[in-house]
Protein backbone atom coordinates (compact mmCIF):
# COMPACT_ATOMS: atom_id res chain seq x y z
CA MET A 1 -21.69 -3.53 -12.63
CA ASN A 2 -25.17 -1.72 -10.97
CA THR A 3 -25.90 0.53 -13.53
CA ASP A 4 -28.52 2.66 -10.68
CA ILE A 5 -25.31 3.94 -9.14
CA ASN A 6 -23.58 7.14 -10.52
CA TYR A 7 -20.14 6.53 -10.13
CA LYS A 8 -18.50 9.70 -11.23
CA GLU A 9 -20.85 11.84 -8.33
CA THR A 10 -20.02 9.37 -5.99
CA LEU A 11 -16.04 9.07 -6.73
CA GLU A 12 -16.03 13.02 -6.44
CA GLU A 13 -18.79 12.72 -3.50
CA ILE A 14 -16.39 10.91 -1.17
CA TYR A 15 -12.97 12.46 -2.52
CA HIS A 16 -14.53 15.79 -1.64
CA THR A 17 -15.10 14.75 2.06
CA VAL A 18 -11.84 12.58 2.41
CA LYS A 19 -10.07 15.95 1.40
CA SER A 20 -11.90 18.14 3.81
CA GLU A 21 -10.41 15.99 6.88
CA LYS A 22 -7.25 15.80 8.75
CA ASN A 23 -4.90 14.21 6.60
CA LEU A 24 -2.52 12.26 9.26
CA GLY A 25 -0.20 10.20 8.78
CA GLU A 26 3.59 10.49 7.69
CA ILE A 27 5.35 10.52 4.27
CA ALA A 28 7.53 7.48 3.96
CA ASN A 29 10.73 9.81 4.79
CA TYR A 30 13.18 7.15 5.22
CA ILE A 31 13.53 6.93 1.40
CA PRO A 32 15.30 10.11 0.76
CA GLU A 33 13.95 10.82 -2.64
CA LEU A 34 10.04 10.23 -1.20
CA ALA A 35 10.22 12.60 1.64
CA LYS A 36 10.08 15.27 -1.47
CA THR A 37 6.54 14.35 -2.16
CA ASP A 38 3.76 17.05 -1.49
CA PRO A 39 1.95 15.52 1.56
CA ASP A 40 -1.05 17.15 -0.01
CA ASN A 41 -1.23 15.29 -3.15
CA PHE A 42 -4.26 13.22 -3.35
CA GLY A 43 -5.50 11.84 -6.81
CA ILE A 44 -8.26 8.43 -7.61
CA TYR A 45 -8.79 7.02 -11.09
CA PHE A 46 -11.85 4.42 -11.15
CA SER A 47 -12.35 1.94 -14.59
CA SER A 48 -15.07 -0.23 -14.76
CA ILE A 49 -15.87 -3.50 -17.02
CA ALA A 50 -17.83 -1.24 -19.28
CA ASN A 51 -15.05 1.15 -19.67
CA GLU A 52 -16.72 3.60 -17.10
CA GLU A 53 -13.51 5.87 -16.19
CA TYR A 54 -13.08 8.91 -14.15
CA GLY A 55 -10.36 10.71 -12.87
CA ILE A 56 -9.99 13.40 -9.59
CA GLY A 57 -7.29 15.10 -8.09
CA ASP A 58 -3.82 14.75 -9.13
CA TRP A 59 -4.36 11.88 -11.02
CA GLU A 60 -2.17 12.67 -14.10
CA THR A 61 0.94 13.51 -11.54
CA LYS A 62 3.25 10.37 -11.48
CA PHE A 63 4.53 8.60 -8.66
CA SER A 64 6.63 6.29 -7.35
CA ILE A 65 4.37 2.65 -7.07
CA GLN A 66 7.00 0.76 -4.64
CA SER A 67 5.19 -2.17 -3.40
CA ILE A 68 3.22 -2.60 -5.83
CA SER A 69 5.13 -2.78 -8.69
CA LYS A 70 5.34 -6.73 -6.64
CA VAL A 71 2.25 -7.79 -8.58
CA LEU A 72 3.53 -7.23 -11.46
CA SER A 73 7.15 -8.90 -11.20
CA LEU A 74 4.99 -12.00 -9.21
CA SER A 75 2.59 -11.78 -12.91
CA MET A 76 5.54 -11.82 -15.33
CA ALA A 77 7.27 -14.88 -13.05
CA TYR A 78 4.36 -17.18 -12.47
CA HIS A 79 3.46 -16.44 -16.78
CA LEU A 80 7.26 -17.77 -17.67
CA ILE A 81 7.72 -20.31 -14.41
CA GLY A 82 4.22 -21.51 -13.51
CA ASP A 83 3.64 -23.20 -10.26
CA LYS A 84 6.95 -23.98 -9.83
CA ILE A 85 7.30 -20.59 -8.22
CA TRP A 86 5.81 -22.09 -5.25
CA GLU A 87 8.64 -24.06 -4.46
CA ARG A 88 10.91 -21.23 -3.34
CA VAL A 89 7.65 -18.81 -1.99
CA GLY A 90 4.78 -19.63 -0.07
CA VAL A 91 1.16 -17.91 -0.27
CA GLU A 92 0.32 -17.43 3.48
CA PRO A 93 -0.10 -13.76 5.60
CA SER A 94 3.92 -13.17 7.13
CA GLY A 95 2.03 -11.78 10.72
CA ASN A 96 5.45 -9.48 10.62
CA ALA A 97 6.77 -6.89 9.16
CA PHE A 98 7.40 -6.53 5.58
CA ASN A 99 11.00 -6.46 5.91
CA SER A 100 11.41 -9.07 9.07
CA LEU A 101 14.25 -11.24 8.71
CA VAL A 102 12.68 -13.56 11.80
CA GLN A 103 10.65 -15.65 10.28
CA LEU A 104 13.30 -16.11 7.33
CA GLU A 105 15.58 -18.25 10.17
CA ALA A 106 12.62 -20.62 11.24
CA ASP A 107 11.64 -21.32 7.70
CA LYS A 108 14.64 -22.20 6.07
CA GLY A 109 14.93 -18.86 3.22
CA ILE A 110 12.13 -19.44 1.93
CA PRO A 111 9.66 -16.29 2.40
CA ARG A 112 6.02 -16.49 3.29
CA ASN A 113 4.42 -14.81 0.49
CA PRO A 114 6.12 -12.87 -2.79
CA PHE A 115 4.68 -9.28 -1.37
CA ILE A 116 7.17 -8.84 1.69
CA ASN A 117 10.47 -7.79 0.72
CA GLY A 118 12.24 -11.21 1.26
CA GLY A 119 9.59 -12.54 -1.31
CA ALA A 120 9.38 -10.07 -3.94
CA ILE A 121 13.08 -10.51 -3.93
CA VAL A 122 12.93 -14.02 -4.72
CA ILE A 123 10.99 -13.40 -7.19
CA CYS A 124 13.01 -11.30 -8.49
CA ASP A 125 16.11 -13.25 -8.94
CA PHE A 126 13.75 -15.52 -10.71
CA LEU A 127 13.34 -13.32 -13.26
CA ILE A 128 17.26 -12.44 -13.38
CA SER A 129 17.68 -16.45 -14.06
CA HIS A 130 14.74 -16.74 -16.94
CA LEU A 131 15.25 -12.96 -18.67
CA LYS A 132 18.20 -11.46 -20.83
CA LYS A 133 17.49 -8.33 -20.25
CA PRO A 134 15.37 -8.11 -17.18
CA LYS A 135 15.50 -4.92 -16.47
CA GLU A 136 14.35 -3.92 -19.96
CA GLU A 137 12.32 -6.77 -20.62
CA PHE A 138 10.34 -6.00 -17.04
CA LEU A 139 9.41 -2.08 -17.94
CA HIS A 140 8.09 -3.48 -21.53
CA TYR A 141 6.42 -6.09 -19.67
CA ILE A 142 4.35 -3.46 -17.81
CA LYS A 143 4.10 -0.95 -20.90
CA GLU A 144 2.32 -3.63 -22.34
CA LEU A 145 -0.07 -4.37 -20.15
CA SER A 146 -0.87 -0.77 -19.69
CA GLY A 147 -0.85 0.11 -23.42
CA CYS A 148 1.67 3.44 -22.34
CA GLU A 149 5.18 3.84 -23.37
CA ASP A 150 5.82 7.00 -20.94
CA ILE A 151 6.95 4.53 -17.59
CA SER A 152 10.29 4.59 -16.50
CA TYR A 153 12.18 3.55 -13.74
CA SER A 154 13.47 6.63 -11.42
CA GLU A 155 16.94 6.75 -11.34
CA SER A 156 17.21 8.74 -8.21
CA ILE A 157 14.80 7.02 -6.48
CA ALA A 158 16.60 3.92 -6.84
CA LYS A 159 19.79 4.90 -5.84
CA SER A 160 17.98 6.51 -2.75
CA GLU A 161 16.94 3.00 -2.02
CA TRP A 162 20.71 1.59 -2.33
CA SER A 163 21.71 4.34 -0.33
CA VAL A 164 19.41 3.32 3.01
CA GLY A 165 18.65 -0.17 1.95
CA TYR A 166 20.74 -1.98 4.70
CA ARG A 167 17.91 -4.33 5.61
CA ASN A 168 16.74 -5.46 2.15
CA ILE A 169 20.70 -5.93 1.59
CA ALA A 170 20.17 -7.83 4.52
CA LEU A 171 17.55 -10.21 3.12
CA CYS A 172 18.55 -10.94 0.19
CA ASN A 173 22.24 -12.05 1.64
CA PHE A 174 20.29 -13.71 4.29
CA ILE A 175 18.70 -15.71 1.80
CA LYS A 176 21.50 -16.05 -0.17
CA SER A 177 22.90 -18.40 2.47
CA PHE A 178 19.78 -20.95 2.65
CA GLY A 179 20.04 -21.45 -1.05
CA ASN A 180 17.21 -19.78 -2.35
CA ILE A 181 18.59 -16.97 -4.33
CA GLU A 182 20.72 -18.30 -7.55
CA ASN A 183 21.71 -14.97 -8.63
CA ASP A 184 24.25 -12.12 -7.58
CA PRO A 185 22.99 -10.36 -4.76
CA ASP A 186 23.72 -7.37 -5.78
CA GLU A 187 22.25 -8.01 -9.57
CA VAL A 188 19.45 -8.66 -7.72
CA LEU A 189 19.13 -5.82 -5.57
CA ASP A 190 19.93 -3.94 -8.03
CA PHE A 191 16.28 -5.50 -10.07
CA TYR A 192 14.77 -4.91 -6.57
CA PHE A 193 15.52 -1.42 -6.15
CA ASN A 194 14.66 0.09 -9.88
CA MET A 195 11.88 -2.42 -9.92
CA CYS A 196 10.54 -0.40 -7.00
CA SER A 197 11.14 3.01 -8.28
CA ILE A 198 9.40 3.08 -11.22
CA GLN A 199 7.08 6.12 -11.60
CA MET A 200 3.40 6.04 -12.47
CA ASN A 201 0.03 8.27 -12.39
CA CYS A 202 -3.04 6.38 -11.67
CA SER A 203 -4.98 6.14 -14.50
CA ASP A 204 -1.61 4.00 -15.29
CA LEU A 205 -1.71 1.74 -12.88
CA THR A 206 -5.78 1.46 -12.71
CA LYS A 207 -5.38 0.43 -16.88
CA THR A 208 -1.92 -1.31 -16.04
CA PHE A 209 -3.76 -3.57 -13.58
CA THR A 210 -6.62 -4.47 -15.91
CA PHE A 211 -5.78 -7.74 -16.39
CA LEU A 212 -6.70 -8.77 -12.81
CA LYS A 213 -9.77 -6.93 -13.31
CA ASP A 214 -11.01 -9.21 -16.47
CA SER A 215 -9.25 -12.33 -16.77
CA THR A 216 -10.13 -12.56 -20.37
CA PHE A 217 -7.87 -9.61 -21.16
CA THR A 218 -5.05 -9.59 -23.24
CA ASN A 219 -2.01 -6.33 -23.65
CA SER A 220 -1.52 -4.35 -26.16
CA SER A 221 0.04 -6.64 -28.31
CA GLY A 222 -2.80 -8.76 -27.68
CA HIS A 223 -1.03 -11.59 -25.65
CA ARG A 224 -3.15 -13.64 -22.89
CA VAL A 225 -1.32 -12.27 -19.45
CA LEU A 226 -2.45 -14.94 -17.64
CA THR A 227 -4.48 -18.16 -16.88
CA THR A 228 -8.10 -17.51 -15.40
CA SER A 229 -6.55 -19.72 -12.58
CA GLN A 230 -3.57 -18.13 -12.12
CA VAL A 231 -5.42 -14.41 -12.18
CA LYS A 232 -7.69 -15.95 -9.27
CA ARG A 233 -4.95 -16.99 -7.19
CA ILE A 234 -2.84 -13.75 -7.94
CA ASN A 235 -5.67 -11.67 -6.46
CA ALA A 236 -6.45 -14.28 -3.97
CA ILE A 237 -2.68 -13.53 -2.24
CA MET A 238 -3.36 -10.01 -2.64
CA GLN A 239 -6.90 -10.18 -0.55
CA THR A 240 -4.80 -12.12 1.62
CA CYS A 241 -1.42 -10.18 1.88
CA GLY A 242 -1.42 -7.01 -0.15
CA PHE A 243 -1.59 -4.59 2.50
CA TYR A 244 1.74 -5.80 4.90
CA ASP A 245 0.27 -6.45 8.73
CA GLU A 246 -2.25 -4.52 7.93
CA SER A 247 -3.97 -6.66 5.33
CA GLY A 248 -6.78 -8.73 7.49
CA GLU A 249 -8.05 -4.93 8.11
CA PHE A 250 -8.37 -3.83 4.70
CA SER A 251 -10.67 -7.38 4.41
CA PHE A 252 -12.58 -6.03 7.07
CA LYS A 253 -13.17 -2.14 6.33
CA VAL A 254 -12.64 -2.12 2.33
CA GLY A 255 -13.16 -6.26 1.64
CA LEU A 256 -11.28 -5.85 -1.97
CA PRO A 257 -8.28 -7.73 -3.67
CA GLY A 258 -5.52 -5.20 -3.43
CA LYS A 259 -1.67 -3.78 -3.31
CA SER A 260 -0.56 -1.16 -1.75
CA GLY A 261 2.98 0.97 -1.55
CA VAL A 262 5.13 3.35 0.52
CA GLY A 263 4.93 5.62 -2.24
CA GLY A 264 1.12 6.23 -0.92
CA GLY A 265 -0.55 4.26 -3.71
CA ILE A 266 -3.42 1.83 -3.01
CA VAL A 267 -4.41 -0.42 -6.17
CA ALA A 268 -7.92 -2.23 -5.48
CA ILE A 269 -9.57 -4.95 -7.06
CA PHE A 270 -13.53 -5.98 -7.79
CA PRO A 271 -12.77 -8.71 -10.39
CA GLU A 272 -15.34 -8.92 -13.05
CA LYS A 273 -16.23 -5.26 -12.02
CA TYR A 274 -14.00 -2.70 -11.64
CA CYS A 275 -10.56 -1.50 -10.78
CA ILE A 276 -9.19 1.52 -8.64
CA THR A 277 -5.78 3.79 -8.17
CA VAL A 278 -6.05 6.20 -4.99
CA TRP A 279 -2.59 8.16 -4.28
CA SER A 280 -1.99 10.52 -1.47
CA PRO A 281 1.91 10.16 0.19
CA LYS A 282 1.12 9.95 4.00
CA LEU A 283 0.91 6.70 5.47
CA ASN A 284 -0.55 5.22 8.52
CA GLU A 285 1.54 3.31 11.30
CA LYS A 286 1.17 0.19 9.20
CA GLY A 287 2.98 1.84 5.82
CA ASN A 288 -0.65 2.08 4.32
CA SER A 289 -2.08 5.23 2.45
CA TYR A 290 -4.15 6.82 5.64
CA ARG A 291 -6.60 9.09 2.97
CA GLY A 292 -6.41 5.68 0.50
CA MET A 293 -7.54 3.30 3.39
CA LYS A 294 -10.67 6.33 4.19
CA PHE A 295 -11.37 6.64 0.25
CA LEU A 296 -11.94 3.02 -0.50
CA GLU A 297 -13.84 1.74 2.72
CA ALA A 298 -16.09 4.60 2.11
CA PHE A 299 -16.08 3.22 -1.47
CA THR A 300 -17.21 0.03 -0.97
CA THR A 301 -19.67 1.17 1.84
CA LYS A 302 -21.45 3.63 -0.04
CA THR A 303 -21.74 1.51 -3.29
CA LYS A 304 -22.13 -2.12 -1.67
CA LEU A 305 -19.35 -3.43 -3.90
CA SER A 306 -17.35 -5.39 -2.16
CA ILE A 307 -16.43 -9.02 -2.79
CA PHE A 308 -18.24 -10.26 0.33
């Protein structure tokens, strides 16, 4: 880390600057339960490889992590199954909306990457095939990564997603028609909707993603999470595919591997240096946190700490 930078002061300065400006965008109100979120929530949590940790604003408030959970399901599947997962899901940016059916027809049911909805649904199918109690074991996996027991699914959010999840239901059944879903679609979708409903705060998320910041990281049980090669590959997919069809823009402006969710969270990582989580529920037109994107662009610009 650059010891000449006062990270606490820098984070606070950017936070107050962004907070003082217009909070544009819209909450993800197409999921009824998410529409209840206070649009003015804004929290940051930063952790360096040297164990410098700072929280600002609403960093202790729990929120639905939504698609950020896709990195965690991918990591668990990668650890359990290895490179065989790439036979059923690709690693290329999609260029289409995260819930698009268009490419699946041309690609014969093989989703372009594990972070679009179709790809994440296939990863859920992998986990159901390899775990005796998928929801319980996945939640346990996250608790061991974070070292925090106070992490749970939100029954109300999962039900809310089921109530409006027609496109995801269609995606799962469409992929099943190509033979790329092994299990019952309702079981796969139940796992997927619950996975997206997980509630964490900025500190929980930053600590959970330490295994991608520090490739030698062991979880709270002392077990190595992924190999160095696997960590490198997941960070690479986050760099190219972590922000729906705004991933190129995020690389251009921020320059870090990361993952966003429509709950307004963004986790970003500088491998072997730091991890930072930003949460602000209002989303831009691409489905990424408006304030989160502004904050991270300002942070990497001011500190000159991006991977480029």
